[in-house]
Amino acid sequence: MSLFERLFCKSRPTIPDEMKFLIACLGNIGAEYDETRHNIGFKIADRLAADLGASFTTSRLAQVSEMKYKGKTLLVIKPTTFMNLSGKAVQYWLRQEKIPLSNLLIVNDDIALPLGVLRMKKQGAAGGHNGLTDIIEKLGTEAFCRLRFGIGNDFPRGRQVDFVLGKWKPSETPIVDPRADVAVEIIKSFVTQGADRTMNQYNNQ
């Protein structure tokens, strides 16, 4: 559509050249949280940016990067609100960029899954994850896609917080790094093929 048509033929619907997605990768901001289990979302965001030749800048409520992949626009955020207030950043950027809820993907850690296991879901409860709890509360719905990265649950009773905020063991890194790369592939599949085909392809791996 020409500039004239966009400006003066407003009765004619415009068809976007590409669809936009919000990929919200959860974690805690600050060097002390680097390479901790709870920050696997940030790690995946950084690997996605490296893969697509992008970088992050600090903006409102998040570090933000706009990436392009096969005709799609990916707005990737790493909330700077800390994990428990992740919903503030997700809600703001959804509204700011007018991105439909169906094009939202949350990337988060999950102690209910074994180390390195990846699962995509189209909706569901928070499962005790504080970041997801806040997102559900702020959006008023559980009906959004999330990619869960298993971090295992190898911790004594009552030490869950220490575990999720702890750094990866040297023995875990050879598992975590290649699985983070698979998570990048899953994100790219989500924006090009949709949730259903992506789940069919990757959830049983």
N, C-alpha and C. Protein backbone atom coordinates (compact mmCIF):
# COMPACT_ATOMS: atom_id res chain seq x y z
N MET A 1 0.85 -1.19 0.00
CA MET A 1 0.00 0.00 0.00
C MET A 1 0.89 1.24 0.00
N SER A 2 0.53 2.23 -0.85
CA SER A 2 1.33 3.44 -0.95
C SER A 2 1.11 4.33 0.25
N LEU A 3 2.00 5.32 0.42
CA LEU A 3 1.85 6.29 1.51
C LEU A 3 0.53 7.04 1.37
N PHE A 4 0.16 7.40 0.13
CA PHE A 4 -1.10 8.11 -0.09
C PHE A 4 -2.28 7.28 0.41
N GLU A 5 -2.28 6.00 0.08
CA GLU A 5 -3.39 5.13 0.50
C GLU A 5 -3.45 5.01 2.01
N ARG A 6 -2.29 4.91 2.66
CA ARG A 6 -2.28 4.78 4.12
C ARG A 6 -2.80 6.03 4.79
N LEU A 7 -2.51 7.19 4.20
CA LEU A 7 -2.90 8.46 4.81
C LEU A 7 -4.34 8.84 4.52
N PHE A 8 -4.82 8.52 3.33
CA PHE A 8 -6.10 9.07 2.91
C PHE A 8 -7.20 8.03 2.67
N CYS A 9 -6.83 6.80 2.54
CA CYS A 9 -7.85 5.77 2.31
C CYS A 9 -8.02 4.93 3.56
N LYS A 10 -8.36 5.59 4.65
CA LYS A 10 -8.41 4.91 5.93
C LYS A 10 -9.54 3.90 6.03
N SER A 11 -10.53 4.02 5.14
CA SER A 11 -11.62 3.06 5.17
C SER A 11 -11.17 1.69 4.66
N ARG A 12 -10.08 1.70 3.92
CA ARG A 12 -9.56 0.45 3.38
C ARG A 12 -8.65 -0.19 4.42
N PRO A 13 -8.90 -1.42 4.84
CA PRO A 13 -8.09 -2.02 5.88
C PRO A 13 -6.65 -2.21 5.43
N THR A 14 -5.73 -1.96 6.33
CA THR A 14 -4.32 -2.17 6.03
C THR A 14 -3.92 -3.57 6.46
N ILE A 15 -3.11 -4.21 5.66
CA ILE A 15 -2.62 -5.54 5.96
C ILE A 15 -1.15 -5.42 6.31
N PRO A 16 -0.77 -5.76 7.52
CA PRO A 16 0.63 -5.60 7.90
C PRO A 16 1.54 -6.49 7.07
N ASP A 17 2.73 -5.97 6.78
CA ASP A 17 3.70 -6.75 6.01
C ASP A 17 4.21 -7.94 6.82
N GLU A 18 4.26 -7.80 8.11
CA GLU A 18 4.76 -8.88 8.95
C GLU A 18 4.07 -8.85 10.30
N MET A 19 4.00 -9.98 10.95
CA MET A 19 3.37 -10.06 12.25
C MET A 19 4.40 -9.83 13.34
N LYS A 20 3.93 -9.27 14.44
CA LYS A 20 4.81 -8.96 15.56
C LYS A 20 4.49 -9.86 16.75
N PHE A 21 5.54 -10.31 17.41
CA PHE A 21 5.42 -11.20 18.55
C PHE A 21 6.16 -10.60 19.74
N LEU A 22 5.63 -10.85 20.94
CA LEU A 22 6.34 -10.48 22.15
C LEU A 22 6.88 -11.75 22.79
N ILE A 23 8.20 -11.80 22.91
CA ILE A 23 8.87 -12.93 23.56
C ILE A 23 9.44 -12.39 24.87
N ALA A 24 8.79 -12.77 25.97
CA ALA A 24 9.19 -12.26 27.30
C ALA A 24 9.97 -13.34 28.03
N CYS A 25 11.26 -13.11 28.18
CA CYS A 25 12.17 -14.08 28.79
C CYS A 25 12.44 -13.63 30.24
N LEU A 26 12.06 -14.47 31.19
CA LEU A 26 12.05 -14.05 32.59
C LEU A 26 13.37 -14.30 33.29
N GLY A 27 13.63 -13.44 34.27
CA GLY A 27 14.84 -13.55 35.08
C GLY A 27 14.91 -12.37 36.04
N ASN A 28 16.04 -12.27 36.72
CA ASN A 28 16.31 -11.16 37.64
C ASN A 28 17.46 -10.34 37.11
N ILE A 29 17.33 -9.04 37.13
CA ILE A 29 18.35 -8.14 36.61
C ILE A 29 19.48 -8.01 37.63
N GLY A 30 20.70 -7.91 37.15
CA GLY A 30 21.85 -7.72 38.03
C GLY A 30 22.88 -8.81 37.84
N ALA A 31 24.16 -8.42 37.93
CA ALA A 31 25.26 -9.36 37.68
C ALA A 31 25.24 -10.53 38.65
N GLU A 32 24.75 -10.31 39.87
CA GLU A 32 24.74 -11.39 40.86
C GLU A 32 23.81 -12.54 40.49
N TYR A 33 22.91 -12.27 39.54
CA TYR A 33 21.97 -13.31 39.12
C TYR A 33 22.38 -13.99 37.82
N ASP A 34 23.49 -13.55 37.22
CA ASP A 34 23.95 -14.17 35.98
C ASP A 34 24.23 -15.66 36.21
N GLU A 35 23.82 -16.47 35.24
CA GLU A 35 24.06 -17.91 35.28
C GLU A 35 23.40 -18.61 36.46
N THR A 36 22.33 -18.03 36.98
CA THR A 36 21.53 -18.73 37.98
C THR A 36 20.38 -19.46 37.28
N ARG A 37 19.84 -20.45 37.95
CA ARG A 37 18.78 -21.27 37.34
C ARG A 37 17.55 -20.43 37.01
N HIS A 38 17.21 -19.51 37.90
CA HIS A 38 16.02 -18.67 37.71
C HIS A 38 16.16 -17.76 36.49
N ASN A 39 17.40 -17.58 36.02
CA ASN A 39 17.67 -16.66 34.92
C ASN A 39 17.84 -17.35 33.58
N ILE A 40 17.36 -18.58 33.47
CA ILE A 40 17.50 -19.27 32.20
C ILE A 40 16.78 -18.52 31.08
N GLY A 41 15.71 -17.81 31.40
CA GLY A 41 15.01 -17.01 30.39
C GLY A 41 15.92 -15.95 29.79
N PHE A 42 16.69 -15.26 30.64
CA PHE A 42 17.63 -14.25 30.15
C PHE A 42 18.70 -14.89 29.27
N LYS A 43 19.17 -16.06 29.68
CA LYS A 43 20.21 -16.76 28.91
C LYS A 43 19.69 -17.10 27.52
N ILE A 44 18.46 -17.58 27.44
CA ILE A 44 17.87 -17.92 26.15
C ILE A 44 17.68 -16.66 25.30
N ALA A 45 17.26 -15.56 25.93
CA ALA A 45 17.10 -14.30 25.20
C ALA A 45 18.42 -13.86 24.59
N ASP A 46 19.50 -13.98 25.35
CA ASP A 46 20.81 -13.57 24.85
C ASP A 46 21.27 -14.47 23.70
N ARG A 47 20.97 -15.76 23.80
CA ARG A 47 21.37 -16.68 22.72
C ARG A 47 20.54 -16.43 21.47
N LEU A 48 19.26 -16.08 21.64
CA LEU A 48 18.42 -15.73 20.50
C LEU A 48 18.95 -14.47 19.82
N ALA A 49 19.33 -13.47 20.62
CA ALA A 49 19.87 -12.24 20.05
C ALA A 49 21.17 -12.50 19.30
N ALA A 50 22.03 -13.33 19.86
CA ALA A 50 23.29 -13.66 19.17
C ALA A 50 23.01 -14.39 17.86
N ASP A 51 22.03 -15.27 17.88
CA ASP A 51 21.69 -16.04 16.68
C ASP A 51 21.15 -15.15 15.58
N LEU A 52 20.39 -14.12 15.95
CA LEU A 52 19.76 -13.25 14.95
C LEU A 52 20.49 -11.92 14.77
N GLY A 53 21.67 -11.80 15.36
CA GLY A 53 22.49 -10.60 15.17
C GLY A 53 21.88 -9.34 15.77
N ALA A 54 21.25 -9.47 16.93
CA ALA A 54 20.59 -8.33 17.57
C ALA A 54 21.25 -8.03 18.91
N SER A 55 20.86 -6.92 19.52
CA SER A 55 21.37 -6.54 20.83
C SER A 55 20.25 -5.88 21.62
N PHE A 56 20.46 -5.77 22.93
CA PHE A 56 19.45 -5.22 23.81
C PHE A 56 19.79 -3.79 24.23
N THR A 57 18.75 -2.98 24.40
CA THR A 57 18.89 -1.65 24.98
C THR A 57 17.92 -1.54 26.15
N THR A 58 18.27 -0.74 27.12
CA THR A 58 17.41 -0.57 28.28
C THR A 58 16.30 0.41 27.97
N SER A 59 15.07 -0.01 28.19
CA SER A 59 13.90 0.83 27.95
C SER A 59 12.98 0.71 29.16
N ARG A 60 11.73 1.06 29.00
CA ARG A 60 10.82 1.07 30.12
C ARG A 60 10.52 -0.34 30.61
N LEU A 61 10.84 -0.62 31.83
CA LEU A 61 10.53 -1.87 32.53
C LEU A 61 11.26 -3.08 31.99
N ALA A 62 12.15 -2.90 31.01
CA ALA A 62 12.80 -4.07 30.42
C ALA A 62 14.00 -3.68 29.58
N GLN A 63 14.88 -4.64 29.37
CA GLN A 63 15.85 -4.57 28.30
C GLN A 63 15.16 -5.13 27.07
N VAL A 64 15.24 -4.41 25.95
CA VAL A 64 14.40 -4.71 24.79
C VAL A 64 15.26 -4.86 23.54
N SER A 65 14.87 -5.80 22.70
CA SER A 65 15.52 -5.96 21.41
C SER A 65 14.46 -6.31 20.37
N GLU A 66 14.51 -5.65 19.23
CA GLU A 66 13.61 -5.99 18.12
C GLU A 66 14.38 -6.79 17.10
N MET A 67 13.92 -8.00 16.85
CA MET A 67 14.62 -8.91 15.96
C MET A 67 13.72 -9.29 14.78
N LYS A 68 14.34 -9.63 13.68
CA LYS A 68 13.61 -10.06 12.49
C LYS A 68 13.96 -11.51 12.18
N TYR A 69 12.93 -12.28 11.84
CA TYR A 69 13.17 -13.67 11.45
C TYR A 69 12.08 -14.11 10.48
N LYS A 70 12.49 -14.41 9.26
CA LYS A 70 11.59 -14.93 8.22
C LYS A 70 10.30 -14.11 8.10
N GLY A 71 10.45 -12.82 8.00
CA GLY A 71 9.30 -11.94 7.81
C GLY A 71 8.53 -11.61 9.07
N LYS A 72 8.96 -12.12 10.19
CA LYS A 72 8.31 -11.83 11.47
C LYS A 72 9.15 -10.84 12.26
N THR A 73 8.48 -10.07 13.11
CA THR A 73 9.16 -9.17 14.03
C THR A 73 9.03 -9.73 15.44
N LEU A 74 10.15 -9.93 16.08
CA LEU A 74 10.16 -10.43 17.45
C LEU A 74 10.61 -9.31 18.37
N LEU A 75 9.71 -8.88 19.25
CA LEU A 75 10.09 -7.94 20.30
C LEU A 75 10.44 -8.78 21.53
N VAL A 76 11.71 -8.87 21.82
CA VAL A 76 12.20 -9.73 22.90
C VAL A 76 12.53 -8.84 24.10
N ILE A 77 11.96 -9.19 25.27
CA ILE A 77 12.21 -8.39 26.46
C ILE A 77 12.78 -9.25 27.59
N LYS A 78 13.66 -8.60 28.36
CA LYS A 78 14.14 -9.14 29.62
C LYS A 78 13.70 -8.15 30.70
N PRO A 79 12.61 -8.44 31.40
CA PRO A 79 12.08 -7.47 32.37
C PRO A 79 13.12 -7.05 33.41
N THR A 80 13.13 -5.78 33.73
CA THR A 80 14.02 -5.24 34.75
C THR A 80 13.26 -5.00 36.06
N THR A 81 12.10 -5.59 36.17
CA THR A 81 11.23 -5.41 37.34
C THR A 81 11.52 -6.41 38.44
N PHE A 82 12.45 -7.33 38.20
CA PHE A 82 12.69 -8.52 39.01
C PHE A 82 11.53 -9.50 38.79
N MET A 83 11.83 -10.76 39.04
CA MET A 83 10.94 -11.85 38.65
C MET A 83 9.51 -11.68 39.14
N ASN A 84 9.36 -11.32 40.41
CA ASN A 84 8.02 -11.32 41.01
C ASN A 84 7.10 -10.25 40.45
N LEU A 85 7.63 -9.32 39.67
CA LEU A 85 6.80 -8.27 39.06
C LEU A 85 6.90 -8.31 37.53
N SER A 86 7.16 -9.49 37.00
CA SER A 86 7.31 -9.64 35.55
C SER A 86 6.08 -9.18 34.78
N GLY A 87 4.91 -9.30 35.39
CA GLY A 87 3.68 -8.94 34.70
C GLY A 87 3.60 -7.48 34.31
N LYS A 88 4.26 -6.61 35.07
CA LYS A 88 4.24 -5.18 34.73
C LYS A 88 4.86 -4.94 33.36
N ALA A 89 6.02 -5.57 33.13
CA ALA A 89 6.70 -5.38 31.86
C ALA A 89 5.94 -6.03 30.71
N VAL A 90 5.44 -7.24 30.94
CA VAL A 90 4.70 -7.94 29.89
C VAL A 90 3.45 -7.15 29.50
N GLN A 91 2.70 -6.72 30.48
CA GLN A 91 1.48 -5.96 30.21
C GLN A 91 1.79 -4.67 29.46
N TYR A 92 2.82 -3.96 29.89
CA TYR A 92 3.17 -2.68 29.25
C TYR A 92 3.53 -2.89 27.77
N TRP A 93 4.41 -3.85 27.48
CA TRP A 93 4.88 -4.00 26.10
C TRP A 93 3.83 -4.61 25.19
N LEU A 94 2.95 -5.42 25.72
CA LEU A 94 1.83 -5.90 24.92
C LEU A 94 0.97 -4.72 24.46
N ARG A 95 0.67 -3.83 25.41
CA ARG A 95 -0.18 -2.69 25.08
C ARG A 95 0.56 -1.68 24.22
N GLN A 96 1.81 -1.41 24.55
CA GLN A 96 2.59 -0.42 23.82
C GLN A 96 2.72 -0.78 22.35
N GLU A 97 2.96 -2.06 22.09
CA GLU A 97 3.19 -2.51 20.71
C GLU A 97 1.94 -3.08 20.06
N LYS A 98 0.81 -3.09 20.80
CA LYS A 98 -0.46 -3.60 20.27
C LYS A 98 -0.31 -5.02 19.74
N ILE A 99 0.31 -5.85 20.55
CA ILE A 99 0.54 -7.24 20.18
C ILE A 99 -0.58 -8.10 20.75
N PRO A 100 -1.21 -8.94 19.94
CA PRO A 100 -2.30 -9.77 20.45
C PRO A 100 -1.77 -10.83 21.42
N LEU A 101 -2.62 -11.22 22.35
CA LEU A 101 -2.23 -12.19 23.37
C LEU A 101 -1.77 -13.51 22.74
N SER A 102 -2.34 -13.84 21.60
CA SER A 102 -1.96 -15.09 20.91
C SER A 102 -0.52 -15.06 20.42
N ASN A 103 0.07 -13.87 20.33
CA ASN A 103 1.45 -13.73 19.86
C ASN A 103 2.43 -13.47 21.01
N LEU A 104 2.00 -13.80 22.21
CA LEU A 104 2.85 -13.69 23.38
C LEU A 104 3.44 -15.05 23.74
N LEU A 105 4.74 -15.08 24.01
CA LEU A 105 5.40 -16.29 24.50
C LEU A 105 6.25 -15.92 25.71
N ILE A 106 5.99 -16.58 26.84
CA ILE A 106 6.78 -16.40 28.04
C ILE A 106 7.81 -17.52 28.10
N VAL A 107 9.06 -17.20 28.43
CA VAL A 107 10.11 -18.20 28.58
C VAL A 107 10.56 -18.18 30.04
N ASN A 108 10.41 -19.31 30.72
CA ASN A 108 10.70 -19.34 32.15
C ASN A 108 11.28 -20.68 32.59
N ASP A 109 11.91 -20.67 33.76
CA ASP A 109 12.42 -21.89 34.38
C ASP A 109 11.27 -22.66 35.02
N ASP A 110 11.48 -23.97 35.24
CA ASP A 110 10.44 -24.79 35.86
C ASP A 110 11.09 -25.93 36.64
N ILE A 111 10.84 -25.96 37.96
CA ILE A 111 11.41 -27.01 38.80
C ILE A 111 10.63 -28.32 38.67
N ALA A 112 9.46 -28.27 38.04
CA ALA A 112 8.65 -29.49 37.88
C ALA A 112 9.14 -30.36 36.73
N LEU A 113 10.08 -29.84 35.93
CA LEU A 113 10.61 -30.59 34.80
C LEU A 113 12.07 -30.96 35.06
N PRO A 114 12.48 -32.14 34.63
CA PRO A 114 13.89 -32.53 34.77
C PRO A 114 14.81 -31.56 34.03
N LEU A 115 16.06 -31.53 34.45
CA LEU A 115 17.02 -30.60 33.87
C LEU A 115 17.08 -30.72 32.35
N GLY A 116 16.90 -29.59 31.68
CA GLY A 116 17.03 -29.52 30.22
C GLY A 116 15.79 -29.89 29.43
N VAL A 117 14.76 -30.39 30.10
CA VAL A 117 13.53 -30.74 29.39
C VAL A 117 12.78 -29.46 29.02
N LEU A 118 12.30 -29.39 27.80
CA LEU A 118 11.60 -28.22 27.30
C LEU A 118 10.15 -28.59 26.99
N ARG A 119 9.23 -27.76 27.45
CA ARG A 119 7.82 -27.98 27.19
C ARG A 119 7.13 -26.65 26.86
N MET A 120 6.37 -26.65 25.79
CA MET A 120 5.54 -25.50 25.47
C MET A 120 4.10 -25.81 25.85
N LYS A 121 3.43 -24.84 26.45
CA LYS A 121 2.01 -24.95 26.78
C LYS A 121 1.29 -23.71 26.27
N LYS A 122 0.02 -23.87 25.90
CA LYS A 122 -0.76 -22.75 25.40
C LYS A 122 -1.49 -22.01 26.51
N GLN A 123 -1.60 -22.63 27.67
CA GLN A 123 -2.24 -21.99 28.82
C GLN A 123 -1.99 -22.84 30.05
N GLY A 124 -2.40 -22.34 31.20
CA GLY A 124 -2.25 -23.12 32.42
C GLY A 124 -1.95 -22.26 33.62
N ALA A 125 -1.99 -22.88 34.79
CA ALA A 125 -1.73 -22.18 36.04
C ALA A 125 -0.23 -21.88 36.16
N ALA A 126 0.09 -21.10 37.17
CA ALA A 126 1.48 -20.66 37.36
C ALA A 126 2.36 -21.77 37.91
N GLY A 127 1.78 -22.77 38.57
CA GLY A 127 2.58 -23.85 39.11
C GLY A 127 3.57 -23.41 40.16
N GLY A 128 3.23 -22.36 40.90
CA GLY A 128 4.11 -21.88 41.95
C GLY A 128 5.21 -20.95 41.47
N HIS A 129 5.25 -20.64 40.18
CA HIS A 129 6.28 -19.73 39.64
C HIS A 129 5.82 -18.29 39.83
N ASN A 130 6.58 -17.52 40.59
CA ASN A 130 6.15 -16.17 40.95
C ASN A 130 6.05 -15.23 39.74
N GLY A 131 6.94 -15.42 38.78
CA GLY A 131 6.86 -14.59 37.58
C GLY A 131 5.59 -14.84 36.80
N LEU A 132 5.25 -16.12 36.61
CA LEU A 132 4.01 -16.45 35.92
C LEU A 132 2.79 -16.01 36.71
N THR A 133 2.86 -16.13 38.03
CA THR A 133 1.75 -15.69 38.88
C THR A 133 1.44 -14.22 38.64
N ASP A 134 2.47 -13.40 38.58
CA ASP A 134 2.26 -11.96 38.38
C ASP A 134 1.76 -11.66 36.98
N ILE A 135 2.26 -12.38 35.99
CA ILE A 135 1.79 -12.17 34.61
C ILE A 135 0.31 -12.52 34.50
N ILE A 136 -0.09 -13.66 35.07
CA ILE A 136 -1.49 -14.06 35.05
C ILE A 136 -2.36 -13.02 35.74
N GLU A 137 -1.88 -12.51 36.86
CA GLU A 137 -2.64 -11.51 37.62
C GLU A 137 -2.78 -10.22 36.83
N LYS A 138 -1.70 -9.77 36.20
CA LYS A 138 -1.74 -8.50 35.46
C LYS A 138 -2.56 -8.61 34.18
N LEU A 139 -2.47 -9.75 33.49
CA LEU A 139 -3.20 -9.91 32.23
C LEU A 139 -4.63 -10.37 32.46
N GLY A 140 -4.90 -10.92 33.64
CA GLY A 140 -6.25 -11.39 33.94
C GLY A 140 -6.63 -12.66 33.21
N THR A 141 -5.63 -13.45 32.82
CA THR A 141 -5.90 -14.69 32.10
C THR A 141 -4.71 -15.61 32.20
N GLU A 142 -4.97 -16.92 32.08
CA GLU A 142 -3.92 -17.93 31.99
C GLU A 142 -3.70 -18.36 30.55
N ALA A 143 -4.46 -17.79 29.63
CA ALA A 143 -4.47 -18.24 28.23
C ALA A 143 -3.39 -17.54 27.42
N PHE A 144 -2.14 -17.87 27.70
CA PHE A 144 -1.02 -17.39 26.89
C PHE A 144 0.03 -18.48 26.84
N CYS A 145 0.81 -18.50 25.78
CA CYS A 145 1.82 -19.54 25.60
C CYS A 145 3.01 -19.30 26.50
N ARG A 146 3.56 -20.41 26.95
CA ARG A 146 4.80 -20.32 27.73
C ARG A 146 5.71 -21.49 27.35
N LEU A 147 7.00 -21.20 27.32
CA LEU A 147 8.02 -22.21 27.07
C LEU A 147 8.75 -22.44 28.39
N ARG A 148 8.63 -23.64 28.92
CA ARG A 148 9.19 -23.97 30.23
C ARG A 148 10.48 -24.75 30.05
N PHE A 149 11.51 -24.29 30.76
CA PHE A 149 12.82 -24.94 30.71
C PHE A 149 13.05 -25.63 32.05
N GLY A 150 13.17 -26.95 32.01
CA GLY A 150 13.34 -27.70 33.24
C GLY A 150 14.68 -27.45 33.91
N ILE A 151 14.65 -27.14 35.20
CA ILE A 151 15.89 -26.94 35.96
C ILE A 151 16.05 -28.02 37.03
N GLY A 152 15.10 -28.97 37.08
CA GLY A 152 15.18 -30.03 38.07
C GLY A 152 14.75 -29.56 39.45
N ASN A 153 14.82 -30.47 40.40
CA ASN A 153 14.41 -30.13 41.78
C ASN A 153 15.33 -30.81 42.80
N ASP A 154 16.62 -30.77 42.52
CA ASP A 154 17.61 -31.42 43.36
C ASP A 154 18.01 -30.51 44.53
N PHE A 155 17.07 -30.35 45.46
CA PHE A 155 17.36 -29.51 46.62
C PHE A 155 16.66 -30.08 47.85
N PRO A 156 17.23 -29.86 49.04
CA PRO A 156 16.60 -30.34 50.27
C PRO A 156 15.29 -29.59 50.53
N ARG A 157 14.44 -30.19 51.31
CA ARG A 157 13.17 -29.56 51.65
C ARG A 157 13.42 -28.20 52.31
N GLY A 158 12.67 -27.20 51.83
CA GLY A 158 12.78 -25.85 52.38
C GLY A 158 13.88 -25.01 51.75
N ARG A 159 14.60 -25.57 50.77
CA ARG A 159 15.71 -24.82 50.16
C ARG A 159 15.45 -24.49 48.70
N GLN A 160 14.18 -24.39 48.33
CA GLN A 160 13.84 -24.12 46.93
C GLN A 160 14.38 -22.77 46.46
N VAL A 161 14.24 -21.75 47.29
CA VAL A 161 14.70 -20.41 46.89
C VAL A 161 16.20 -20.42 46.64
N ASP A 162 16.96 -21.04 47.54
CA ASP A 162 18.41 -21.13 47.35
C ASP A 162 18.74 -21.87 46.06
N PHE A 163 17.96 -22.89 45.75
CA PHE A 163 18.22 -23.68 44.55
C PHE A 163 17.98 -22.87 43.28
N VAL A 164 16.82 -22.23 43.17
CA VAL A 164 16.51 -21.52 41.92
C VAL A 164 17.39 -20.29 41.75
N LEU A 165 17.84 -19.70 42.85
CA LEU A 165 18.73 -18.54 42.77
C LEU A 165 20.19 -18.94 42.75
N GLY A 166 20.45 -20.23 42.81
CA GLY A 166 21.83 -20.72 42.75
C GLY A 166 22.33 -20.82 41.32
N LYS A 167 23.64 -20.84 41.19
CA LYS A 167 24.25 -20.93 39.86
C LYS A 167 24.33 -22.38 39.40
N TRP A 168 24.39 -22.55 38.09
CA TRP A 168 24.51 -23.89 37.52
C TRP A 168 25.78 -24.56 38.02
N LYS A 169 25.70 -25.85 38.30
CA LYS A 169 26.88 -26.63 38.64
C LYS A 169 27.69 -26.89 37.36
N PRO A 170 29.01 -27.05 37.48
CA PRO A 170 29.80 -27.38 36.28
C PRO A 170 29.29 -28.60 35.54
N SER A 171 28.73 -29.56 36.27
CA SER A 171 28.21 -30.77 35.63
C SER A 171 26.92 -30.52 34.86
N GLU A 172 26.24 -29.40 35.16
CA GLU A 172 24.97 -29.10 34.50
C GLU A 172 25.15 -28.32 33.20
N THR A 173 26.22 -27.55 33.11
CA THR A 173 26.42 -26.68 31.96
C THR A 173 26.41 -27.42 30.62
N PRO A 174 27.04 -28.61 30.52
CA PRO A 174 27.00 -29.32 29.24
C PRO A 174 25.59 -29.73 28.82
N ILE A 175 24.67 -29.75 29.76
CA ILE A 175 23.27 -30.04 29.43
C ILE A 175 22.53 -28.75 29.10
N VAL A 176 22.75 -27.73 29.93
CA VAL A 176 21.98 -26.48 29.83
C VAL A 176 22.25 -25.75 28.52
N ASP A 177 23.52 -25.61 28.14
CA ASP A 177 23.85 -24.78 26.98
C ASP A 177 23.24 -25.31 25.68
N PRO A 178 23.39 -26.59 25.35
CA PRO A 178 22.76 -27.07 24.10
C PRO A 178 21.23 -27.04 24.16
N ARG A 179 20.66 -27.24 25.33
CA ARG A 179 19.20 -27.18 25.44
C ARG A 179 18.70 -25.74 25.30
N ALA A 180 19.51 -24.77 25.74
CA ALA A 180 19.15 -23.37 25.53
C ALA A 180 19.12 -23.06 24.03
N ASP A 181 20.02 -23.68 23.28
CA ASP A 181 20.01 -23.49 21.83
C ASP A 181 18.76 -24.12 21.21
N VAL A 182 18.31 -25.24 21.74
CA VAL A 182 17.06 -25.84 21.27
C VAL A 182 15.89 -24.89 21.58
N ALA A 183 15.93 -24.25 22.74
CA ALA A 183 14.88 -23.29 23.09
C ALA A 183 14.81 -22.16 22.07
N VAL A 184 15.96 -21.72 21.58
CA VAL A 184 15.99 -20.70 20.52
C VAL A 184 15.27 -21.20 19.28
N GLU A 185 15.52 -22.45 18.91
CA GLU A 185 14.86 -23.02 17.74
C GLU A 185 13.34 -23.12 17.96
N ILE A 186 12.94 -23.42 19.19
CA ILE A 186 11.52 -23.51 19.50
C ILE A 186 10.86 -22.14 19.36
N ILE A 187 11.53 -21.10 19.83
CA ILE A 187 10.98 -19.75 19.69
C ILE A 187 10.80 -19.40 18.21
N LYS A 188 11.79 -19.70 17.41
CA LYS A 188 11.70 -19.40 15.98
C LYS A 188 10.58 -20.21 15.32
N SER A 189 10.39 -21.44 15.78
CA SER A 189 9.29 -22.25 15.26
C SER A 189 7.94 -21.66 15.67
N PHE A 190 7.85 -21.20 16.90
CA PHE A 190 6.60 -20.61 17.39
C PHE A 190 6.15 -19.44 16.53
N VAL A 191 7.07 -18.57 16.14
CA VAL A 191 6.67 -17.38 15.39
C VAL A 191 6.42 -17.68 13.91
N THR A 192 6.94 -18.80 13.41
CA THR A 192 6.75 -19.10 12.00
C THR A 192 5.70 -20.19 11.76
N GLN A 193 5.60 -21.16 12.68
CA GLN A 193 4.69 -22.28 12.48
C GLN A 193 3.50 -22.30 13.43
N GLY A 194 3.58 -21.52 14.51
CA GLY A 194 2.49 -21.50 15.48
C GLY A 194 2.74 -22.47 16.62
N ALA A 195 1.91 -22.33 17.67
CA ALA A 195 2.10 -23.11 18.89
C ALA A 195 1.83 -24.59 18.67
N ASP A 196 0.76 -24.93 17.98
CA ASP A 196 0.37 -26.34 17.85
C ASP A 196 1.43 -27.17 17.13
N ARG A 197 1.89 -26.68 16.00
CA ARG A 197 2.91 -27.43 15.25
C ARG A 197 4.22 -27.47 16.02
N THR A 198 4.53 -26.41 16.74
CA THR A 198 5.77 -26.38 17.52
C THR A 198 5.70 -27.38 18.67
N MET A 199 4.56 -27.44 19.35
CA MET A 199 4.41 -28.41 20.43
C MET A 199 4.51 -29.83 19.91
N ASN A 200 3.88 -30.11 18.78
CA ASN A 200 3.93 -31.45 18.18
C ASN A 200 5.35 -31.86 17.83
N GLN A 201 6.13 -30.89 17.42
CA GLN A 201 7.49 -31.18 16.98
C GLN A 201 8.47 -31.34 18.14
N TYR A 202 8.32 -30.49 19.17
CA TYR A 202 9.36 -30.41 20.19
C TYR A 202 8.98 -30.99 21.55
N ASN A 203 7.71 -31.07 21.89
CA ASN A 203 7.35 -31.46 23.26
C ASN A 203 7.68 -32.90 23.61
N ASN A 204 7.86 -33.73 22.61
CA ASN A 204 8.18 -35.13 22.89
C ASN A 204 9.66 -35.45 22.77
N GLN A 205 10.47 -34.44 22.53
CA GLN A 205 11.91 -34.67 22.40
C GLN A 205 12.53 -34.94 23.78
